[in-house]
Amino acid sequence: MAIRIEDKKQIVAEVNEAAKSALSAVLADYRGVTVEELTALRKTARENNVYLRVVRNTLLKRAIADTSYECLNEALVGPTILAFSQDHPGAAARVLKEFSKNNEEFDVKALAVDGSLLSADQIDVLAKLPTYDEAIATLMSVMLAPVTKLTQTVNEVPSKVTRAVAAVRDQKQEAA
């Protein structure tokens, strides 16, 4: 079905706007995936604030021109579904990786972060990036570790003195 020129311009503008605010991009081949499965994928993407769109490759090339995702042009072959991470660089990779576990036909083609094209086998690297909250929690635990150790050490001194006095008392009671 032919798309009107106005609709094409709107699609290009929308995808371009999403690309400008995106932190990473993932391209995948969705051949063999049912409509119900794609609907479930779209729902998961929305829940994780991932922009997900099936776009013709010619329109996608125009949309990502002059953005940091222009490096994806060489991966634009065959049916393509595009996912842009809006809040966290690993969100789109995590969503598509999880989806591909249950759908063998679904194939990740390429990834892009900060203008760098990554191969599809590096999706684990991007998907395993901690979220903002996880990174803050890790940072806080690292910052609290010395304070916790110091507190334990300071609390140990009175305990040792108390145990030493109790041992001397017990010795004197046994001697008497």
C-alpha atoms as a PDB file:
ATOM      1  CA  MET A   1       0.000   0.000   0.000  1.00  0.00           C
ATOM      2  CA  ALA A   2       1.420   3.347  -1.031  1.00  0.00           C
ATOM      3  CA  ILE A   3       2.025   5.970   1.596  1.00  0.00           C
ATOM      4  CA  ARG A   4       1.194   9.579   0.770  1.00  0.00           C
ATOM      5  CA  ILE A   5       4.081  12.046   0.661  1.00  0.00           C
ATOM      6  CA  GLU A   6       2.652  13.976   3.637  1.00  0.00           C
ATOM      7  CA  ASP A   7       2.572  10.782   5.712  1.00  0.00           C
ATOM      8  CA  LYS A   8       6.138   9.973   4.698  1.00  0.00           C
ATOM      9  CA  LYS A   9       7.301  13.424   5.773  1.00  0.00           C
ATOM     10  CA  GLN A  10       5.504  13.008   9.090  1.00  0.00           C
ATOM     11  CA  ILE A  11       7.115   9.591   9.696  1.00  0.00           C
ATOM     12  CA  VAL A  12      10.585  10.950   8.859  1.00  0.00           C
ATOM     13  CA  ALA A  13      10.081  13.950  11.167  1.00  0.00           C
ATOM     14  CA  GLU A  14       8.812  11.762  14.025  1.00  0.00           C
ATOM     15  CA  VAL A  15      11.656   9.255  13.772  1.00  0.00           C
ATOM     16  CA  ASN A  16      14.202  12.077  13.429  1.00  0.00           C
ATOM     17  CA  GLU A  17      12.871  13.715  16.583  1.00  0.00           C
ATOM     18  CA  ALA A  18      13.090  10.414  18.463  1.00  0.00           C
ATOM     19  CA  ALA A  19      16.654   9.876  17.178  1.00  0.00           C
ATOM     20  CA  LYS A  20      17.784  13.278  18.429  1.00  0.00           C
ATOM     21  CA  SER A  21      16.673  12.527  21.982  1.00  0.00           C
ATOM     22  CA  ALA A  22      17.681   8.836  22.009  1.00  0.00           C
ATOM     23  CA  LEU A  23      20.595   7.405  23.982  1.00  0.00           C
ATOM     24  CA  SER A  24      20.984   4.233  21.894  1.00  0.00           C
ATOM     25  CA  ALA A  25      19.368   2.431  18.973  1.00  0.00           C
ATOM     26  CA  VAL A  26      18.759  -1.205  18.120  1.00  0.00           C
ATOM     27  CA  LEU A  27      17.708  -2.580  14.726  1.00  0.00           C
ATOM     28  CA  ALA A  28      16.133  -5.998  14.311  1.00  0.00           C
ATOM     29  CA  ASP A  29      14.674  -8.192  11.593  1.00  0.00           C
ATOM     30  CA  TYR A  30      11.115  -9.120  12.545  1.00  0.00           C
ATOM     31  CA  ARG A  31      10.318 -11.646   9.786  1.00  0.00           C
ATOM     32  CA  GLY A  32       8.272 -14.568  11.098  1.00  0.00           C
ATOM     33  CA  VAL A  33       6.974 -12.718  14.154  1.00  0.00           C
ATOM     34  CA  THR A  34       3.193 -12.719  14.540  1.00  0.00           C
ATOM     35  CA  VAL A  35       1.068  -9.625  15.033  1.00  0.00           C
ATOM     36  CA  GLU A  36       0.199 -10.693  18.583  1.00  0.00           C
ATOM     37  CA  GLU A  37       3.880 -11.051  19.444  1.00  0.00           C
ATOM     38  CA  LEU A  38       4.675  -7.628  17.973  1.00  0.00           C
ATOM     39  CA  THR A  39       1.806  -6.137  19.962  1.00  0.00           C
ATOM     40  CA  ALA A  40       3.263  -7.638  23.146  1.00  0.00           C
ATOM     41  CA  LEU A  41       6.686  -6.258  22.203  1.00  0.00           C
ATOM     42  CA  ARG A  42       5.232  -2.788  21.668  1.00  0.00           C
ATOM     43  CA  LYS A  43       3.539  -2.934  25.069  1.00  0.00           C
ATOM     44  CA  THR A  44       6.806  -3.936  26.777  1.00  0.00           C
ATOM     45  CA  ALA A  45       8.628  -1.173  24.907  1.00  0.00           C
ATOM     46  CA  ARG A  46       6.121   1.453  26.057  1.00  0.00           C
ATOM     47  CA  GLU A  47       6.466   0.276  29.660  1.00  0.00           C
ATOM     48  CA  ASN A  48      10.253   0.722  29.427  1.00  0.00           C
ATOM     49  CA  ASN A  49      10.085   4.087  27.610  1.00  0.00           C
ATOM     50  CA  VAL A  50      11.526   2.654  24.401  1.00  0.00           C
ATOM     51  CA  TYR A  51      10.483   4.180  21.072  1.00  0.00           C
ATOM     52  CA  LEU A  52       9.632   1.228  18.809  1.00  0.00           C
ATOM     53  CA  ARG A  53       8.681   1.603  15.169  1.00  0.00           C
ATOM     54  CA  VAL A  54       8.557  -0.406  11.961  1.00  0.00           C
ATOM     55  CA  VAL A  55       9.820   1.943   9.252  1.00  0.00           C
ATOM     56  CA  ARG A  56      10.702   1.483   5.611  1.00  0.00           C
ATOM     57  CA  ASN A  57      14.449   1.505   5.165  1.00  0.00           C
ATOM     58  CA  THR A  58      14.390   4.417   2.699  1.00  0.00           C
ATOM     59  CA  LEU A  59      12.418   6.556   5.152  1.00  0.00           C
ATOM     60  CA  LEU A  60      14.633   5.483   8.038  1.00  0.00           C
ATOM     61  CA  LYS A  61      17.763   6.510   6.113  1.00  0.00           C
ATOM     62  CA  ARG A  62      16.275   9.986   5.657  1.00  0.00           C
ATOM     63  CA  ALA A  63      15.172  10.161   9.294  1.00  0.00           C
ATOM     64  CA  ILE A  64      18.565   9.290  10.780  1.00  0.00           C
ATOM     65  CA  ALA A  65      20.546  11.476   8.391  1.00  0.00           C
ATOM     66  CA  ASP A  66      22.581  14.090  10.279  1.00  0.00           C
ATOM     67  CA  THR A  67      22.108  12.301  13.607  1.00  0.00           C
ATOM     68  CA  SER A  68      24.500  10.143  15.594  1.00  0.00           C
ATOM     69  CA  TYR A  69      22.650   7.080  14.285  1.00  0.00           C
ATOM     70  CA  GLU A  70      23.587   7.621  10.651  1.00  0.00           C
ATOM     71  CA  CYS A  71      26.057   4.757  11.132  1.00  0.00           C
ATOM     72  CA  LEU A  72      23.079   2.358  11.019  1.00  0.00           C
ATOM     73  CA  ASN A  73      22.628   2.871   7.261  1.00  0.00           C
ATOM     74  CA  GLU A  74      24.710  -0.177   6.347  1.00  0.00           C
ATOM     75  CA  ALA A  75      22.480  -2.423   8.506  1.00  0.00           C
ATOM     76  CA  LEU A  76      19.257  -1.276   6.836  1.00  0.00           C
ATOM     77  CA  VAL A  77      18.524  -4.382   4.770  1.00  0.00           C
ATOM     78  CA  GLY A  78      15.253  -6.291   4.807  1.00  0.00           C
ATOM     79  CA  PRO A  79      12.308  -5.740   7.152  1.00  0.00           C
ATOM     80  CA  THR A  80      13.472  -3.570  10.013  1.00  0.00           C
ATOM     81  CA  ILE A  81      12.058  -2.681  13.400  1.00  0.00           C
ATOM     82  CA  LEU A  82      13.754   0.215  15.148  1.00  0.00           C
ATOM     83  CA  ALA A  83      14.045   0.738  18.896  1.00  0.00           C
ATOM     84  CA  PHE A  84      15.387   3.934  20.481  1.00  0.00           C
ATOM     85  CA  SER A  85      16.212   4.058  24.199  1.00  0.00           C
ATOM     86  CA  GLN A  86      14.879   7.287  25.641  1.00  0.00           C
ATOM     87  CA  ASP A  87      15.796   7.108  29.359  1.00  0.00           C
ATOM     88  CA  HIS A  88      18.568   4.555  29.637  1.00  0.00           C
ATOM     89  CA  PRO A  89      21.078   3.377  26.992  1.00  0.00           C
ATOM     90  CA  GLY A  90      20.443  -0.303  27.686  1.00  0.00           C
ATOM     91  CA  ALA A  91      16.640  -0.216  27.745  1.00  0.00           C
ATOM     92  CA  ALA A  92      16.022  -0.974  24.055  1.00  0.00           C
ATOM     93  CA  ALA A  93      18.700  -3.668  24.010  1.00  0.00           C
ATOM     94  CA  ARG A  94      17.210  -5.260  27.127  1.00  0.00           C
ATOM     95  CA  VAL A  95      13.670  -5.256  25.704  1.00  0.00           C
ATOM     96  CA  LEU A  96      14.658  -6.683  22.308  1.00  0.00           C
ATOM     97  CA  LYS A  97      17.060  -9.232  23.803  1.00  0.00           C
ATOM     98  CA  GLU A  98      14.349 -10.516  26.129  1.00  0.00           C
ATOM     99  CA  PHE A  99      11.890 -10.681  23.229  1.00  0.00           C
ATOM    100  CA  SER A 100      14.363 -12.580  21.022  1.00  0.00           C
ATOM    101  CA  LYS A 101      14.783 -15.271  23.702  1.00  0.00           C
ATOM    102  CA  ASN A 102      11.174 -16.359  23.173  1.00  0.00           C
ATOM    103  CA  ASN A 103      11.085 -15.731  19.397  1.00  0.00           C
ATOM    104  CA  GLU A 104      13.750 -17.510  17.394  1.00  0.00           C
ATOM    105  CA  GLU A 105      12.699 -15.777  14.152  1.00  0.00           C
ATOM    106  CA  PHE A 106      13.388 -12.351  15.667  1.00  0.00           C
ATOM    107  CA  ASP A 107      16.967 -11.363  14.853  1.00  0.00           C
ATOM    108  CA  VAL A 108      18.856  -8.323  16.159  1.00  0.00           C
ATOM    109  CA  LYS A 109      20.849  -6.787  13.292  1.00  0.00           C
ATOM    110  CA  ALA A 110      22.810  -3.897  14.767  1.00  0.00           C
ATOM    111  CA  LEU A 111      23.210  -1.507  17.693  1.00  0.00           C
ATOM    112  CA  ALA A 112      24.367   2.071  17.855  1.00  0.00           C
ATOM    113  CA  VAL A 113      25.553   4.163  20.776  1.00  0.00           C
ATOM    114  CA  ASP A 114      27.018   7.669  20.461  1.00  0.00           C
ATOM    115  CA  GLY A 115      27.575   7.330  16.727  1.00  0.00           C
ATOM    116  CA  SER A 116      29.328   3.974  17.030  1.00  0.00           C
ATOM    117  CA  LEU A 117      27.930   0.977  15.197  1.00  0.00           C
ATOM    118  CA  LEU A 118      28.085  -2.232  17.225  1.00  0.00           C
ATOM    119  CA  SER A 119      27.494  -5.727  15.931  1.00  0.00           C
ATOM    120  CA  ALA A 120      24.456  -7.696  17.041  1.00  0.00           C
ATOM    121  CA  ASP A 121      26.530 -10.037  19.214  1.00  0.00           C
ATOM    122  CA  GLN A 122      27.368  -7.117  21.493  1.00  0.00           C
ATOM    123  CA  ILE A 123      23.754  -6.724  22.609  1.00  0.00           C
ATOM    124  CA  ASP A 124      24.623  -8.355  25.935  1.00  0.00           C
ATOM    125  CA  VAL A 125      27.102  -5.582  26.708  1.00  0.00           C
ATOM    126  CA  LEU A 126      24.488  -2.920  26.154  1.00  0.00           C
ATOM    127  CA  ALA A 127      21.647  -4.858  27.794  1.00  0.00           C
ATOM    128  CA  LYS A 128      23.664  -5.460  30.969  1.00  0.00           C
ATOM    129  CA  LEU A 129      24.323  -1.786  31.590  1.00  0.00           C
ATOM    130  CA  PRO A 130      22.848  -0.894  34.964  1.00  0.00           C
ATOM    131  CA  THR A 131      19.863   1.406  35.078  1.00  0.00           C
ATOM    132  CA  TYR A 132      20.184   4.786  36.731  1.00  0.00           C
ATOM    133  CA  ASP A 133      18.732   3.482  40.001  1.00  0.00           C
ATOM    134  CA  GLU A 134      20.980   0.404  39.966  1.00  0.00           C
ATOM    135  CA  ALA A 135      24.059   2.554  39.322  1.00  0.00           C
ATOM    136  CA  ILE A 136      23.147   4.904  42.185  1.00  0.00           C
ATOM    137  CA  ALA A 137      22.591   1.942  44.525  1.00  0.00           C
ATOM    138  CA  THR A 138      25.978   0.473  43.597  1.00  0.00           C
ATOM    139  CA  LEU A 139      27.677   3.832  44.060  1.00  0.00           C
ATOM    140  CA  MET A 140      26.040   4.319  47.447  1.00  0.00           C
ATOM    141  CA  SER A 141      27.093   0.860  48.641  1.00  0.00           C
ATOM    142  CA  VAL A 142      30.675   1.582  47.578  1.00  0.00           C
ATOM    143  CA  MET A 143      30.594   4.935  49.365  1.00  0.00           C
ATOM    144  CA  LEU A 144      29.071   3.442  52.528  1.00  0.00           C
ATOM    145  CA  ALA A 145      31.499   0.519  52.793  1.00  0.00           C
ATOM    146  CA  PRO A 146      34.387   2.485  54.428  1.00  0.00           C
ATOM    147  CA  VAL A 147      32.001   4.221  56.831  1.00  0.00           C
ATOM    148  CA  THR A 148      30.435   0.899  57.808  1.00  0.00           C
ATOM    149  CA  LYS A 149      33.861  -0.676  58.339  1.00  0.00           C
ATOM    150  CA  LEU A 150      34.988   2.292  60.458  1.00  0.00           C
ATOM    151  CA  THR A 151      31.854   2.059  62.583  1.00  0.00           C
ATOM    152  CA  GLN A 152      32.389  -1.655  63.129  1.00  0.00           C
ATOM    153  CA  THR A 153      36.039  -1.042  64.093  1.00  0.00           C
ATOM    154  CA  VAL A 154      35.180   1.760  66.523  1.00  0.00           C
ATOM    155  CA  ASN A 155      32.444  -0.367  68.119  1.00  0.00           C
ATOM    156  CA  GLU A 156      34.857  -3.278  68.448  1.00  0.00           C
ATOM    157  CA  VAL A 157      37.254  -1.395  70.811  1.00  0.00           C
ATOM    158  CA  PRO A 158      34.819  -1.102  73.773  1.00  0.00           C
ATOM    159  CA  SER A 159      33.732  -4.689  73.204  1.00  0.00           C
ATOM    160  CA  LYS A 160      37.342  -5.899  73.405  1.00  0.00           C
ATOM    161  CA  VAL A 161      37.949  -3.888  76.585  1.00  0.00           C
ATOM    162  CA  THR A 162      34.775  -5.315  78.140  1.00  0.00           C
ATOM    163  CA  ARG A 163      35.793  -8.858  77.223  1.00  0.00           C
ATOM    164  CA  ALA A 164      39.320  -8.303  78.633  1.00  0.00           C
ATOM    165  CA  VAL A 165      37.950  -6.947  81.962  1.00  0.00           C
ATOM    166  CA  ALA A 166      35.509  -9.876  82.144  1.00  0.00           C
ATOM    167  CA  ALA A 167      38.353 -12.342  81.520  1.00  0.00           C
ATOM    168  CA  VAL A 168      40.500 -10.750  84.280  1.00  0.00           C
ATOM    169  CA  ARG A 169      37.512 -10.864  86.647  1.00  0.00           C
ATOM    170  CA  ASP A 170      36.890 -14.520  85.838  1.00  0.00           C
ATOM    171  CA  GLN A 171      40.582 -15.326  86.418  1.00  0.00           C
ATOM    172  CA  LYS A 172      40.605 -13.617  89.805  1.00  0.00           C
ATOM    173  CA  GLN A 173      37.401 -15.396  90.835  1.00  0.00           C
ATOM    174  CA  GLU A 174      38.917 -18.760  89.907  1.00  0.00           C
ATOM    175  CA  ALA A 175      42.126 -17.952  91.803  1.00  0.00           C
ATOM    176  CA  ALA A 176      40.232 -16.986  94.962  1.00  0.00           C
END
